[in-house]
């Protein structure tokens, strides 16, 4: 996550976090039996709220082989 970015000062990290957590950048899902969610951790900040009561939360993580991720500049 952004708090462990190397070489980036705290003010820039705080600004980045404030931008990421704006309501227009947040997705909330109302779970129903059988639902599956997938995202790319290379371009997503994931935070799971602990609001699922006494329901069991099952999570499996996989890493796919493929292209090396690049930034907006193509490097």
Protein backbone atom coordinates (compact mmCIF):
# COMPACT_ATOMS: atom_id res chain seq x y z
CA UNK A 1 0.00 0.00 0.00
CA UNK A 2 1.04 3.63 -0.23
CA UNK A 3 2.46 3.81 3.30
CA UNK A 4 5.40 1.67 2.24
CA UNK A 5 6.34 3.56 -0.93
CA UNK A 6 10.11 3.93 -0.96
CA UNK A 7 11.49 7.41 -1.55
CA UNK A 8 8.15 9.20 -1.19
CA UNK A 9 7.74 11.64 1.67
CA UNK A 10 4.90 11.56 4.16
CA UNK A 11 3.07 14.62 2.76
CA UNK A 12 2.91 13.05 -0.72
CA UNK A 13 1.75 9.71 0.71
CA UNK A 14 -0.96 11.45 2.75
CA UNK A 15 -2.11 13.35 -0.35
CA UNK A 16 -2.21 10.12 -2.35
CA UNK A 17 -4.21 8.36 0.38
CA UNK A 18 -6.66 11.27 0.62
CA UNK A 19 -7.20 11.00 -3.15
CA UNK A 20 -7.63 7.20 -3.10
CA UNK A 21 -10.20 7.30 -0.33
CA UNK A 22 -12.53 9.83 -1.95
CA UNK A 23 -16.08 8.45 -2.26
CA UNK A 24 -15.90 8.45 -6.07
CA UNK A 25 -12.97 5.99 -5.90
CA UNK A 26 -14.53 3.54 -3.47
CA UNK A 27 -16.52 0.45 -4.41
CA UNK A 28 -18.78 -1.25 -1.87
CA UNK A 29 -20.38 -4.55 -2.69
CA UNK A 30 -23.52 -5.97 -1.07
CA UNK A 31 -22.65 -9.65 -0.92
CA UNK A 32 -25.07 -12.38 -1.85
CA UNK A 33 -24.49 -16.15 -1.76
CA UNK A 34 -22.34 -17.24 -4.67
CA UNK A 35 -20.77 -13.81 -5.33
CA UNK A 36 -17.12 -13.64 -6.35
CA UNK A 37 -14.94 -10.52 -6.48
CA UNK A 38 -11.66 -10.14 -8.34
CA UNK A 39 -9.27 -7.23 -8.68
CA UNK A 40 -5.72 -6.55 -9.77
CA UNK A 41 -3.58 -5.71 -6.76
CA UNK A 42 -1.11 -3.94 -9.05
CA UNK A 43 -3.59 -1.13 -9.55
CA UNK A 44 -5.98 -1.37 -6.62
CA UNK A 45 -5.86 -0.42 -2.97
CA UNK A 46 -7.90 -3.07 -1.17
CA UNK A 47 -9.38 -2.71 2.29
CA UNK A 48 -11.90 -5.18 3.68
CA UNK A 49 -14.26 -3.69 6.23
CA UNK A 50 -15.04 -6.03 9.08
CA UNK A 51 -18.76 -5.62 8.65
CA UNK A 52 -19.75 -9.18 7.80
CA UNK A 53 -20.98 -9.99 11.31
CA UNK A 54 -20.73 -13.65 12.24
CA UNK A 55 -20.58 -14.74 8.59
CA UNK A 56 -17.49 -16.62 7.47
CA UNK A 57 -15.24 -14.71 5.08
CA UNK A 58 -13.34 -16.94 2.66
CA UNK A 59 -10.52 -15.43 0.66
CA UNK A 60 -8.16 -17.07 -1.81
CA UNK A 61 -5.26 -15.19 -3.35
CA UNK A 62 -3.58 -16.12 -6.59
CA UNK A 63 -0.78 -14.51 -8.56
CA UNK A 64 -0.95 -14.84 -12.32
CA UNK A 65 2.07 -14.94 -14.53
CA UNK A 66 2.14 -12.37 -17.25
CA UNK A 67 3.51 -9.05 -18.32
CA UNK A 68 5.61 -7.03 -15.94
CA UNK A 69 3.44 -4.13 -14.73
CA UNK A 70 4.38 -0.70 -16.03
CA UNK A 71 3.56 2.79 -14.87
CA UNK A 72 1.87 5.60 -16.77
CA UNK A 73 5.15 6.46 -18.49
CA UNK A 74 5.48 2.93 -19.86
CA UNK A 75 8.46 2.03 -17.67
